[in-house]
């Protein structure tokens, strides 16, 4: 299996948004090609703009966010991924209080990403990079050709870069504990836009 980095989510330092209106934790990035982060959206207001980037977001905790820009509307809801243009000056309105959101940004036409809830086993193809967010419960990872499992503890995350072989990711079946990031483990995959 390719080299993996595993860290507790709480150990990642918070940093200010580009526009200074909120805070985020960067979990992984590849230069200007892609970035995966967890943002705290605590009040209504503007989102930062990222020219040339496609954004993909999912609400991990909270009731949602509505993004507006003139006649455009994008709604971020719990556990449903929404894709939108990072170059647009979005104005955010919270739905009944603050949210914690998982965000992925990819350079348009270079990389593409997906986010999926890990409610059962998932396979990540060779060549992709993957971020496993084990919120609420642990996850287990193995190469398809191996039986040995690597554990990712609850409320930690693992980063796999440019996988040499496909891997299988399996969430624990035990009930989890919400430490501020939700209860459903998430899998982010980043691949070449032509993959």
N, C-alpha and C. Protein backbone atom coordinates (compact mmCIF):
# COMPACT_ATOMS: atom_id res chain seq x y z
N UNK A 1 0.85 -1.17 0.00
CA UNK A 1 0.00 0.00 0.00
C UNK A 1 0.90 1.24 0.00
N UNK A 2 0.47 2.32 -0.64
CA UNK A 2 1.24 3.55 -0.71
C UNK A 2 1.40 4.14 0.68
N UNK A 3 2.41 5.02 0.82
CA UNK A 3 2.65 5.67 2.10
C UNK A 3 1.41 6.43 2.53
N UNK A 4 1.14 6.40 3.83
CA UNK A 4 -0.06 7.04 4.36
C UNK A 4 0.32 7.92 5.54
N UNK A 5 -0.36 9.05 5.64
CA UNK A 5 -0.18 9.95 6.78
C UNK A 5 -1.48 9.91 7.56
N UNK A 6 -1.39 9.64 8.89
CA UNK A 6 -2.57 9.60 9.75
C UNK A 6 -2.38 10.61 10.88
N UNK A 7 -3.39 11.46 11.10
CA UNK A 7 -3.32 12.46 12.17
C UNK A 7 -4.68 12.61 12.81
N UNK A 8 -4.69 13.07 14.07
CA UNK A 8 -5.95 13.45 14.70
C UNK A 8 -6.41 14.77 14.11
N UNK A 9 -7.70 14.88 13.86
CA UNK A 9 -8.23 16.12 13.30
C UNK A 9 -7.93 17.30 14.24
N UNK A 10 -8.09 17.06 15.55
CA UNK A 10 -7.88 18.14 16.53
C UNK A 10 -6.45 18.66 16.53
N UNK A 11 -5.50 17.87 16.01
CA UNK A 11 -4.09 18.29 16.03
C UNK A 11 -3.75 19.26 14.90
N UNK A 12 -4.66 19.44 13.95
CA UNK A 12 -4.41 20.34 12.82
C UNK A 12 -4.72 21.76 13.26
N UNK A 13 -3.76 22.68 13.12
CA UNK A 13 -4.02 24.05 13.56
C UNK A 13 -5.06 24.75 12.69
N UNK A 14 -5.83 25.60 13.32
CA UNK A 14 -6.80 26.40 12.57
C UNK A 14 -6.10 27.59 11.93
N UNK A 15 -6.60 28.00 10.78
CA UNK A 15 -6.07 29.17 10.10
C UNK A 15 -7.24 30.00 9.60
N UNK A 16 -7.01 31.28 9.39
CA UNK A 16 -8.09 32.15 8.92
C UNK A 16 -8.37 31.89 7.45
N UNK A 17 -9.65 32.06 7.08
CA UNK A 17 -10.01 32.02 5.68
C UNK A 17 -9.24 33.09 4.93
N UNK A 18 -9.14 32.93 3.64
CA UNK A 18 -8.47 33.91 2.80
C UNK A 18 -9.04 35.31 3.02
N UNK A 19 -10.38 35.40 3.22
CA UNK A 19 -11.00 36.72 3.42
C UNK A 19 -11.07 37.12 4.90
N UNK A 20 -10.55 36.27 5.79
CA UNK A 20 -10.50 36.59 7.22
C UNK A 20 -11.82 36.47 7.95
N UNK A 21 -12.87 35.96 7.31
CA UNK A 21 -14.21 35.93 7.90
C UNK A 21 -14.55 34.63 8.63
N UNK A 22 -13.63 33.68 8.69
CA UNK A 22 -13.88 32.41 9.36
C UNK A 22 -12.58 31.66 9.54
N UNK A 23 -12.66 30.41 10.03
CA UNK A 23 -11.46 29.59 10.22
C UNK A 23 -11.63 28.24 9.55
N UNK A 24 -10.49 27.63 9.21
CA UNK A 24 -10.47 26.33 8.55
C UNK A 24 -9.27 25.54 9.02
N UNK A 25 -9.31 24.23 8.81
CA UNK A 25 -8.18 23.33 9.07
C UNK A 25 -7.83 22.66 7.75
N UNK A 26 -6.63 22.86 7.24
CA UNK A 26 -6.22 22.22 6.00
C UNK A 26 -5.73 20.81 6.32
N UNK A 27 -6.41 19.80 5.78
CA UNK A 27 -6.04 18.41 6.02
C UNK A 27 -4.99 17.91 5.03
N UNK A 28 -5.09 18.34 3.79
CA UNK A 28 -4.15 17.88 2.76
C UNK A 28 -4.22 18.83 1.58
N UNK A 29 -3.10 18.93 0.86
CA UNK A 29 -3.09 19.75 -0.35
C UNK A 29 -1.96 19.30 -1.26
N UNK A 30 -2.09 19.66 -2.53
CA UNK A 30 -1.07 19.39 -3.52
C UNK A 30 -0.81 20.68 -4.28
N UNK A 31 0.05 21.52 -3.73
CA UNK A 31 0.34 22.81 -4.34
C UNK A 31 -0.93 23.57 -4.63
N UNK A 32 -1.07 24.03 -5.86
CA UNK A 32 -2.28 24.75 -6.25
C UNK A 32 -3.28 23.84 -6.98
N UNK A 33 -2.98 22.53 -7.04
CA UNK A 33 -3.87 21.60 -7.76
C UNK A 33 -5.11 21.23 -6.98
N UNK A 34 -4.96 20.99 -5.66
CA UNK A 34 -6.13 20.64 -4.85
C UNK A 34 -5.85 20.85 -3.37
N UNK A 35 -6.94 21.01 -2.63
CA UNK A 35 -6.85 21.19 -1.17
C UNK A 35 -8.10 20.63 -0.53
N UNK A 36 -7.94 19.97 0.62
CA UNK A 36 -9.05 19.44 1.40
C UNK A 36 -8.99 20.07 2.78
N UNK A 37 -10.11 20.63 3.24
CA UNK A 37 -10.11 21.30 4.53
C UNK A 37 -11.46 21.14 5.23
N UNK A 38 -11.46 21.45 6.52
CA UNK A 38 -12.69 21.48 7.31
C UNK A 38 -12.88 22.92 7.78
N UNK A 39 -14.00 23.53 7.41
CA UNK A 39 -14.26 24.93 7.75
C UNK A 39 -15.38 25.05 8.77
N UNK A 40 -15.20 26.03 9.65
CA UNK A 40 -16.25 26.39 10.59
C UNK A 40 -16.93 27.64 10.04
N UNK A 41 -18.22 27.52 9.76
CA UNK A 41 -18.98 28.67 9.27
C UNK A 41 -19.90 29.07 10.41
N UNK A 42 -19.56 30.17 11.07
CA UNK A 42 -20.25 30.54 12.30
C UNK A 42 -21.24 31.68 12.14
N UNK A 43 -21.16 32.39 11.00
CA UNK A 43 -22.06 33.52 10.79
C UNK A 43 -22.30 33.73 9.30
N UNK A 44 -23.37 34.41 8.99
CA UNK A 44 -23.64 34.77 7.61
C UNK A 44 -22.54 35.69 7.11
N UNK A 45 -22.26 35.60 5.79
CA UNK A 45 -21.26 36.50 5.23
C UNK A 45 -20.63 35.94 3.98
N UNK A 46 -19.62 36.65 3.45
CA UNK A 46 -19.01 36.24 2.18
C UNK A 46 -18.09 35.04 2.30
N UNK A 47 -18.09 34.21 1.27
CA UNK A 47 -17.11 33.13 1.13
C UNK A 47 -15.89 33.68 0.40
N UNK A 48 -14.73 33.10 0.66
CA UNK A 48 -13.52 33.47 -0.06
C UNK A 48 -13.64 33.03 -1.51
N UNK A 49 -13.02 33.77 -2.43
CA UNK A 49 -13.03 33.38 -3.84
C UNK A 49 -11.72 32.70 -4.21
N UNK A 50 -11.80 31.73 -5.13
CA UNK A 50 -10.65 30.98 -5.62
C UNK A 50 -10.76 30.84 -7.12
N UNK A 51 -10.10 31.74 -7.82
CA UNK A 51 -10.15 31.77 -9.29
C UNK A 51 -9.62 30.46 -9.87
N UNK A 52 -10.35 29.90 -10.86
CA UNK A 52 -9.90 28.69 -11.55
C UNK A 52 -10.13 27.40 -10.78
N UNK A 53 -10.82 27.48 -9.64
CA UNK A 53 -11.03 26.29 -8.81
C UNK A 53 -12.50 25.87 -8.80
N UNK A 54 -12.73 24.57 -8.81
CA UNK A 54 -14.05 24.00 -8.58
C UNK A 54 -14.10 23.59 -7.11
N UNK A 55 -15.18 23.97 -6.44
CA UNK A 55 -15.32 23.63 -5.01
C UNK A 55 -16.38 22.54 -4.86
N UNK A 56 -16.15 21.66 -3.90
CA UNK A 56 -17.09 20.60 -3.54
C UNK A 56 -17.19 20.62 -2.02
N UNK A 57 -18.40 20.76 -1.50
CA UNK A 57 -18.58 20.87 -0.05
C UNK A 57 -19.69 19.97 0.44
N UNK A 58 -19.55 19.57 1.71
CA UNK A 58 -20.58 18.78 2.37
C UNK A 58 -20.65 19.23 3.82
N UNK A 59 -21.85 19.37 4.36
CA UNK A 59 -22.03 19.77 5.75
C UNK A 59 -21.90 18.54 6.63
N UNK A 60 -20.91 18.56 7.54
CA UNK A 60 -20.68 17.45 8.46
C UNK A 60 -21.53 17.59 9.72
N UNK A 61 -21.71 18.84 10.16
CA UNK A 61 -22.46 19.10 11.39
C UNK A 61 -23.19 20.42 11.21
N UNK A 62 -24.44 20.46 11.62
CA UNK A 62 -25.27 21.65 11.45
C UNK A 62 -26.35 21.40 10.41
N UNK A 63 -27.15 22.43 10.14
CA UNK A 63 -28.33 22.26 9.29
C UNK A 63 -28.16 22.68 7.85
N UNK A 64 -27.11 23.44 7.54
CA UNK A 64 -26.88 23.79 6.15
C UNK A 64 -26.50 25.24 5.93
N UNK A 65 -26.17 25.53 4.68
CA UNK A 65 -25.78 26.87 4.25
C UNK A 65 -26.37 27.10 2.87
N UNK A 66 -26.88 28.30 2.64
CA UNK A 66 -27.33 28.69 1.31
C UNK A 66 -26.35 29.73 0.77
N UNK A 67 -25.78 29.46 -0.41
CA UNK A 67 -24.85 30.37 -1.06
C UNK A 67 -25.59 31.09 -2.19
N UNK A 68 -25.45 32.43 -2.21
CA UNK A 68 -26.11 33.22 -3.25
C UNK A 68 -25.11 34.15 -3.91
N UNK A 69 -25.26 34.30 -5.22
CA UNK A 69 -24.49 35.26 -6.00
C UNK A 69 -25.39 35.71 -7.14
N UNK A 70 -25.94 36.91 -7.02
CA UNK A 70 -26.93 37.41 -7.98
C UNK A 70 -28.06 36.38 -8.11
N UNK A 71 -28.28 35.83 -9.30
CA UNK A 71 -29.39 34.87 -9.49
C UNK A 71 -28.99 33.43 -9.22
N UNK A 72 -27.71 33.18 -8.89
CA UNK A 72 -27.24 31.82 -8.63
C UNK A 72 -27.46 31.45 -7.17
N UNK A 73 -27.90 30.21 -6.95
CA UNK A 73 -28.09 29.70 -5.58
C UNK A 73 -27.52 28.29 -5.52
N UNK A 74 -26.70 28.04 -4.50
CA UNK A 74 -26.19 26.69 -4.21
C UNK A 74 -26.52 26.40 -2.76
N UNK A 75 -27.10 25.25 -2.49
CA UNK A 75 -27.48 24.88 -1.13
C UNK A 75 -26.59 23.74 -0.64
N UNK A 76 -25.95 23.97 0.50
CA UNK A 76 -25.15 22.93 1.15
C UNK A 76 -25.98 22.34 2.27
N UNK A 77 -26.22 21.04 2.19
CA UNK A 77 -27.06 20.36 3.18
C UNK A 77 -26.27 19.24 3.85
N UNK A 78 -26.75 18.78 5.00
CA UNK A 78 -26.02 17.71 5.70
C UNK A 78 -25.83 16.47 4.82
N UNK A 79 -24.60 16.02 4.74
CA UNK A 79 -24.21 14.76 4.12
C UNK A 79 -24.59 14.62 2.65
N UNK A 80 -24.71 15.76 1.94
CA UNK A 80 -24.95 15.74 0.49
C UNK A 80 -23.94 16.68 -0.16
N UNK A 81 -23.10 16.16 -1.03
CA UNK A 81 -22.05 16.97 -1.65
C UNK A 81 -22.65 17.92 -2.68
N UNK A 82 -22.17 19.18 -2.66
CA UNK A 82 -22.60 20.19 -3.63
C UNK A 82 -21.36 20.77 -4.30
N UNK A 83 -21.41 20.89 -5.64
CA UNK A 83 -20.29 21.44 -6.40
C UNK A 83 -20.64 22.84 -6.87
N UNK A 84 -19.65 23.75 -6.81
CA UNK A 84 -19.89 25.12 -7.23
C UNK A 84 -18.57 25.78 -7.64
N UNK A 85 -18.67 26.92 -8.31
CA UNK A 85 -17.52 27.62 -8.88
C UNK A 85 -16.83 28.45 -7.81
N UNK A 86 -15.56 28.18 -7.58
CA UNK A 86 -14.81 28.90 -6.56
C UNK A 86 -14.52 30.34 -6.91
N UNK A 87 -14.61 30.73 -8.17
CA UNK A 87 -14.31 32.09 -8.59
C UNK A 87 -15.45 33.06 -8.33
N UNK A 88 -16.64 32.53 -8.05
CA UNK A 88 -17.81 33.39 -7.83
C UNK A 88 -17.79 33.93 -6.41
N UNK A 89 -18.21 35.18 -6.25
CA UNK A 89 -18.29 35.83 -4.93
C UNK A 89 -19.59 35.42 -4.25
N UNK A 90 -19.56 34.28 -3.56
CA UNK A 90 -20.75 33.76 -2.91
C UNK A 90 -20.97 34.46 -1.57
N UNK A 91 -22.23 34.69 -1.23
CA UNK A 91 -22.60 35.21 0.09
C UNK A 91 -23.37 34.10 0.79
N UNK A 92 -22.93 33.74 2.00
CA UNK A 92 -23.48 32.58 2.71
C UNK A 92 -24.52 33.00 3.75
N UNK A 93 -25.61 32.23 3.82
CA UNK A 93 -26.62 32.38 4.87
C UNK A 93 -26.78 31.04 5.56
N UNK A 94 -26.56 31.02 6.86
CA UNK A 94 -26.68 29.78 7.63
C UNK A 94 -28.14 29.39 7.81
N UNK A 95 -28.39 28.09 7.89
CA UNK A 95 -29.72 27.56 8.14
C UNK A 95 -29.78 27.11 9.59
N UNK A 96 -30.36 27.92 10.45
CA UNK A 96 -30.54 27.57 11.87
C UNK A 96 -29.22 27.30 12.58
N UNK A 97 -28.24 28.16 12.44
CA UNK A 97 -27.03 28.06 13.25
C UNK A 97 -25.79 27.64 12.50
N UNK A 98 -24.64 27.66 13.22
CA UNK A 98 -23.34 27.37 12.61
C UNK A 98 -23.24 25.96 12.03
N UNK A 99 -22.31 25.79 11.09
CA UNK A 99 -22.06 24.49 10.49
C UNK A 99 -20.56 24.21 10.45
N UNK A 100 -20.24 22.93 10.37
CA UNK A 100 -18.89 22.46 10.06
C UNK A 100 -18.98 21.82 8.69
N UNK A 101 -18.13 22.27 7.76
CA UNK A 101 -18.21 21.79 6.38
C UNK A 101 -16.87 21.20 5.94
N UNK A 102 -16.94 20.10 5.21
CA UNK A 102 -15.78 19.51 4.55
C UNK A 102 -15.73 20.11 3.16
N UNK A 103 -14.58 20.71 2.81
CA UNK A 103 -14.43 21.40 1.53
C UNK A 103 -13.28 20.81 0.73
N UNK A 104 -13.51 20.65 -0.56
CA UNK A 104 -12.46 20.21 -1.49
C UNK A 104 -12.40 21.22 -2.62
N UNK A 105 -11.21 21.68 -2.93
CA UNK A 105 -11.01 22.58 -4.05
C UNK A 105 -10.04 21.95 -5.03
N UNK A 106 -10.39 21.93 -6.30
CA UNK A 106 -9.54 21.36 -7.34
C UNK A 106 -9.38 22.35 -8.48
N UNK A 107 -8.17 22.39 -9.04
CA UNK A 107 -7.93 23.24 -10.20
C UNK A 107 -8.76 22.69 -11.36
N UNK A 108 -9.61 23.56 -11.90
CA UNK A 108 -10.52 23.17 -12.97
C UNK A 108 -9.76 22.62 -14.17
N UNK A 109 -10.25 21.54 -14.73
CA UNK A 109 -9.69 20.86 -15.91
C UNK A 109 -8.38 20.13 -15.62
N UNK A 110 -7.92 20.15 -14.37
CA UNK A 110 -6.69 19.44 -14.00
C UNK A 110 -7.01 18.29 -13.07
N UNK A 111 -7.82 18.54 -12.04
CA UNK A 111 -8.22 17.52 -11.08
C UNK A 111 -9.74 17.55 -10.92
N UNK A 112 -10.28 16.39 -10.53
CA UNK A 112 -11.70 16.32 -10.16
C UNK A 112 -11.79 15.56 -8.86
N UNK A 113 -12.82 15.85 -8.08
CA UNK A 113 -12.94 15.23 -6.75
C UNK A 113 -14.34 14.70 -6.53
N UNK A 114 -14.43 13.79 -5.58
CA UNK A 114 -15.72 13.29 -5.10
C UNK A 114 -15.66 13.22 -3.57
N UNK A 115 -16.81 13.35 -2.95
CA UNK A 115 -16.96 13.11 -1.51
C UNK A 115 -18.09 12.12 -1.36
N UNK A 116 -17.87 11.09 -0.56
CA UNK A 116 -18.97 10.16 -0.29
C UNK A 116 -18.95 9.74 1.17
N UNK A 117 -20.14 9.56 1.72
CA UNK A 117 -20.29 9.08 3.08
C UNK A 117 -19.90 7.60 3.11
N UNK A 118 -19.11 7.24 4.11
CA UNK A 118 -18.69 5.84 4.25
C UNK A 118 -19.70 5.10 5.12
N UNK A 119 -20.76 4.64 4.49
CA UNK A 119 -21.77 3.86 5.20
C UNK A 119 -21.53 2.36 5.02
N UNK A 120 -20.60 2.02 4.17
CA UNK A 120 -20.19 0.64 3.92
C UNK A 120 -18.83 0.66 3.26
N UNK A 121 -18.37 -0.49 2.81
CA UNK A 121 -17.04 -0.57 2.20
C UNK A 121 -16.99 0.24 0.91
N UNK A 122 -15.82 0.85 0.65
CA UNK A 122 -15.60 1.62 -0.57
C UNK A 122 -14.23 1.27 -1.12
N UNK A 123 -14.08 1.38 -2.43
CA UNK A 123 -12.79 1.09 -3.07
C UNK A 123 -12.31 2.36 -3.77
N UNK A 124 -11.03 2.67 -3.54
CA UNK A 124 -10.40 3.82 -4.20
C UNK A 124 -9.47 3.26 -5.27
N UNK A 125 -9.58 3.74 -6.51
CA UNK A 125 -8.77 3.18 -7.60
C UNK A 125 -7.31 3.59 -7.54
N UNK A 126 -6.46 2.81 -8.16
CA UNK A 126 -5.05 3.14 -8.29
C UNK A 126 -4.93 4.47 -9.03
N UNK A 127 -3.91 5.25 -8.67
CA UNK A 127 -3.67 6.53 -9.31
C UNK A 127 -4.34 7.70 -8.62
N UNK A 128 -5.37 7.43 -7.83
CA UNK A 128 -6.08 8.50 -7.13
C UNK A 128 -5.36 8.83 -5.83
N UNK A 129 -5.65 10.02 -5.31
CA UNK A 129 -5.30 10.36 -3.94
C UNK A 129 -6.59 10.28 -3.13
N UNK A 130 -6.48 9.93 -1.86
CA UNK A 130 -7.68 9.77 -1.04
C UNK A 130 -7.43 10.35 0.35
N UNK A 131 -8.48 10.94 0.90
CA UNK A 131 -8.46 11.42 2.27
C UNK A 131 -9.63 10.74 2.97
N UNK A 132 -9.33 9.96 4.00
CA UNK A 132 -10.36 9.27 4.77
C UNK A 132 -10.55 10.07 6.06
N UNK A 133 -11.74 10.60 6.25
CA UNK A 133 -12.06 11.40 7.43
C UNK A 133 -12.89 10.50 8.35
N UNK A 134 -12.23 9.95 9.36
CA UNK A 134 -12.87 8.97 10.25
C UNK A 134 -13.61 9.68 11.38
N UNK A 135 -14.55 10.56 11.01
CA UNK A 135 -15.29 11.29 12.04
C UNK A 135 -16.27 10.36 12.73
N UNK A 136 -16.30 10.46 14.04
CA UNK A 136 -17.26 9.68 14.82
C UNK A 136 -16.91 8.24 15.06
N UNK A 137 -16.25 7.61 14.10
CA UNK A 137 -15.91 6.19 14.26
C UNK A 137 -14.66 5.84 13.46
N UNK A 138 -14.02 4.77 13.85
CA UNK A 138 -12.79 4.34 13.19
C UNK A 138 -13.09 3.77 11.81
N UNK A 139 -12.06 3.73 10.97
CA UNK A 139 -12.14 3.09 9.66
C UNK A 139 -10.94 2.17 9.50
N UNK A 140 -11.05 1.22 8.58
CA UNK A 140 -9.97 0.27 8.33
C UNK A 140 -9.66 0.28 6.84
N UNK A 141 -8.38 0.21 6.51
CA UNK A 141 -7.93 0.29 5.12
C UNK A 141 -7.05 -0.90 4.81
N UNK A 142 -7.21 -1.46 3.61
CA UNK A 142 -6.32 -2.52 3.16
C UNK A 142 -6.19 -2.46 1.64
N UNK A 143 -5.05 -2.90 1.14
CA UNK A 143 -4.91 -3.09 -0.30
C UNK A 143 -5.82 -4.24 -0.70
N UNK A 144 -6.35 -4.22 -1.91
CA UNK A 144 -7.28 -5.28 -2.32
C UNK A 144 -6.62 -6.65 -2.30
N UNK A 145 -5.32 -6.69 -2.50
CA UNK A 145 -4.61 -7.97 -2.55
C UNK A 145 -4.14 -8.44 -1.17
N UNK A 146 -4.44 -7.67 -0.10
CA UNK A 146 -3.98 -8.01 1.24
C UNK A 146 -5.15 -8.21 2.18
N UNK A 147 -4.91 -8.97 3.25
CA UNK A 147 -5.94 -9.14 4.27
C UNK A 147 -5.66 -8.28 5.49
N UNK A 148 -4.41 -7.84 5.66
CA UNK A 148 -4.06 -7.01 6.81
C UNK A 148 -4.73 -5.65 6.71
N UNK A 149 -5.30 -5.18 7.82
CA UNK A 149 -6.00 -3.91 7.85
C UNK A 149 -5.19 -2.88 8.62
N UNK A 150 -5.20 -1.66 8.13
CA UNK A 150 -4.61 -0.55 8.87
C UNK A 150 -5.76 0.23 9.47
N UNK A 151 -5.67 0.52 10.76
CA UNK A 151 -6.75 1.21 11.47
C UNK A 151 -6.52 2.73 11.44
N UNK A 152 -7.60 3.45 11.19
CA UNK A 152 -7.61 4.91 11.33
C UNK A 152 -8.55 5.20 12.48
N UNK A 153 -8.02 5.65 13.60
CA UNK A 153 -8.83 5.86 14.79
C UNK A 153 -9.92 6.90 14.56
N UNK A 154 -10.97 6.80 15.37
CA UNK A 154 -12.06 7.77 15.28
C UNK A 154 -11.53 9.17 15.50
N UNK A 155 -12.11 10.12 14.76
CA UNK A 155 -11.76 11.53 14.83
C UNK A 155 -10.32 11.79 14.40
N UNK A 156 -9.85 10.92 13.49
CA UNK A 156 -8.56 11.10 12.83
C UNK A 156 -8.82 11.11 11.33
N UNK A 157 -7.78 11.39 10.56
CA UNK A 157 -7.90 11.33 9.11
C UNK A 157 -6.62 10.74 8.54
N UNK A 158 -6.74 10.15 7.37
CA UNK A 158 -5.60 9.55 6.68
C UNK A 158 -5.52 10.12 5.27
N UNK A 159 -4.29 10.34 4.82
CA UNK A 159 -4.06 10.88 3.47
C UNK A 159 -3.24 9.88 2.68
N UNK A 160 -3.79 9.43 1.56
CA UNK A 160 -3.10 8.51 0.65
C UNK A 160 -2.86 9.28 -0.65
N UNK A 161 -1.61 9.37 -1.07
CA UNK A 161 -1.29 10.14 -2.28
C UNK A 161 -0.93 9.20 -3.42
N UNK A 162 -1.54 9.44 -4.57
CA UNK A 162 -1.21 8.72 -5.80
C UNK A 162 -1.06 7.21 -5.55
N UNK A 163 -2.16 6.58 -5.19
CA UNK A 163 -2.15 5.16 -4.84
C UNK A 163 -1.57 4.30 -5.95
N UNK A 164 -0.67 3.41 -5.57
CA UNK A 164 -0.08 2.49 -6.54
C UNK A 164 -1.03 1.36 -6.87
N UNK A 165 -1.87 0.97 -5.89
CA UNK A 165 -2.82 -0.12 -6.05
C UNK A 165 -4.16 0.31 -5.45
N UNK A 166 -5.26 -0.25 -5.91
CA UNK A 166 -6.55 0.07 -5.30
C UNK A 166 -6.57 -0.32 -3.82
N UNK A 167 -7.33 0.43 -3.02
CA UNK A 167 -7.49 0.10 -1.60
C UNK A 167 -8.97 0.02 -1.25
N UNK A 168 -9.25 -0.78 -0.22
CA UNK A 168 -10.61 -0.92 0.30
C UNK A 168 -10.66 -0.21 1.66
N UNK A 169 -11.71 0.57 1.87
CA UNK A 169 -11.90 1.30 3.12
C UNK A 169 -13.21 0.85 3.73
N UNK A 170 -13.16 0.46 5.01
CA UNK A 170 -14.33 -0.08 5.70
C UNK A 170 -14.52 0.68 7.01
N UNK A 171 -15.69 1.30 7.22
CA UNK A 171 -15.94 1.97 8.50
C UNK A 171 -16.33 0.96 9.57
N UNK A 172 -16.01 1.28 10.83
CA UNK A 172 -16.45 0.47 11.95
C UNK A 172 -17.97 0.46 11.99
N UNK A 173 -18.52 -0.62 12.52
CA UNK A 173 -19.98 -0.70 12.65
C UNK A 173 -20.44 -0.16 14.00
N UNK A 174 -19.51 0.12 14.91
CA UNK A 174 -19.89 0.62 16.23
C UNK A 174 -20.41 2.04 16.13
N UNK A 175 -21.24 2.43 17.09
CA UNK A 175 -21.76 3.79 17.12
C UNK A 175 -20.64 4.73 17.51
N UNK A 176 -20.62 5.89 16.91
CA UNK A 176 -19.53 6.83 17.13
C UNK A 176 -19.86 7.89 18.15
N UNK A 177 -18.87 8.79 18.30
CA UNK A 177 -18.99 9.91 19.23
C UNK A 177 -18.65 11.19 18.46
N UNK A 178 -19.56 12.14 18.49
CA UNK A 178 -19.36 13.40 17.77
C UNK A 178 -18.48 14.32 18.60
N UNK A 179 -17.28 14.57 18.08
CA UNK A 179 -16.37 15.52 18.76
C UNK A 179 -16.31 16.82 17.98
N UNK A 180 -17.41 17.19 17.38
CA UNK A 180 -17.49 18.45 16.67
C UNK A 180 -17.37 18.34 15.16
N UNK A 181 -17.21 17.12 14.64
CA UNK A 181 -17.04 16.96 13.19
C UNK A 181 -18.10 16.05 12.59
N UNK A 182 -19.15 15.72 13.34
CA UNK A 182 -20.19 14.85 12.83
C UNK A 182 -19.94 13.40 13.19
N UNK A 183 -20.79 12.52 12.66
CA UNK A 183 -20.74 11.11 13.03
C UNK A 183 -20.54 10.16 11.85
N UNK A 184 -20.55 10.67 10.64
CA UNK A 184 -20.45 9.79 9.47
C UNK A 184 -19.10 9.96 8.80
N UNK A 185 -18.26 8.91 8.79
CA UNK A 185 -16.97 9.00 8.10
C UNK A 185 -17.15 9.37 6.63
N UNK A 186 -16.19 10.11 6.09
CA UNK A 186 -16.26 10.59 4.72
C UNK A 186 -15.02 10.18 3.95
N UNK A 187 -15.20 9.94 2.67
CA UNK A 187 -14.09 9.60 1.78
C UNK A 187 -14.01 10.64 0.68
N UNK A 188 -12.86 11.29 0.56
CA UNK A 188 -12.60 12.23 -0.53
C UNK A 188 -11.62 11.55 -1.48
N UNK A 189 -11.94 11.56 -2.76
CA UNK A 189 -10.98 11.08 -3.76
C UNK A 189 -10.69 12.23 -4.72
N UNK A 190 -9.42 12.30 -5.12
CA UNK A 190 -8.97 13.32 -6.08
C UNK A 190 -8.25 12.58 -7.20
N UNK A 191 -8.70 12.80 -8.43
CA UNK A 191 -8.11 12.14 -9.59
C UNK A 191 -7.82 13.15 -10.67
N UNK A 192 -7.05 12.74 -11.67
CA UNK A 192 -6.83 13.59 -12.83
C UNK A 192 -8.18 13.85 -13.50
N UNK A 193 -8.37 15.04 -14.02
CA UNK A 193 -9.65 15.41 -14.62
C UNK A 193 -10.02 14.51 -15.79
N UNK A 194 -9.04 13.87 -16.42
CA UNK A 194 -9.31 13.00 -17.55
C UNK A 194 -9.49 11.55 -17.15
N UNK A 195 -9.36 11.24 -15.82
CA UNK A 195 -9.44 9.84 -15.36
C UNK A 195 -10.86 9.30 -15.52
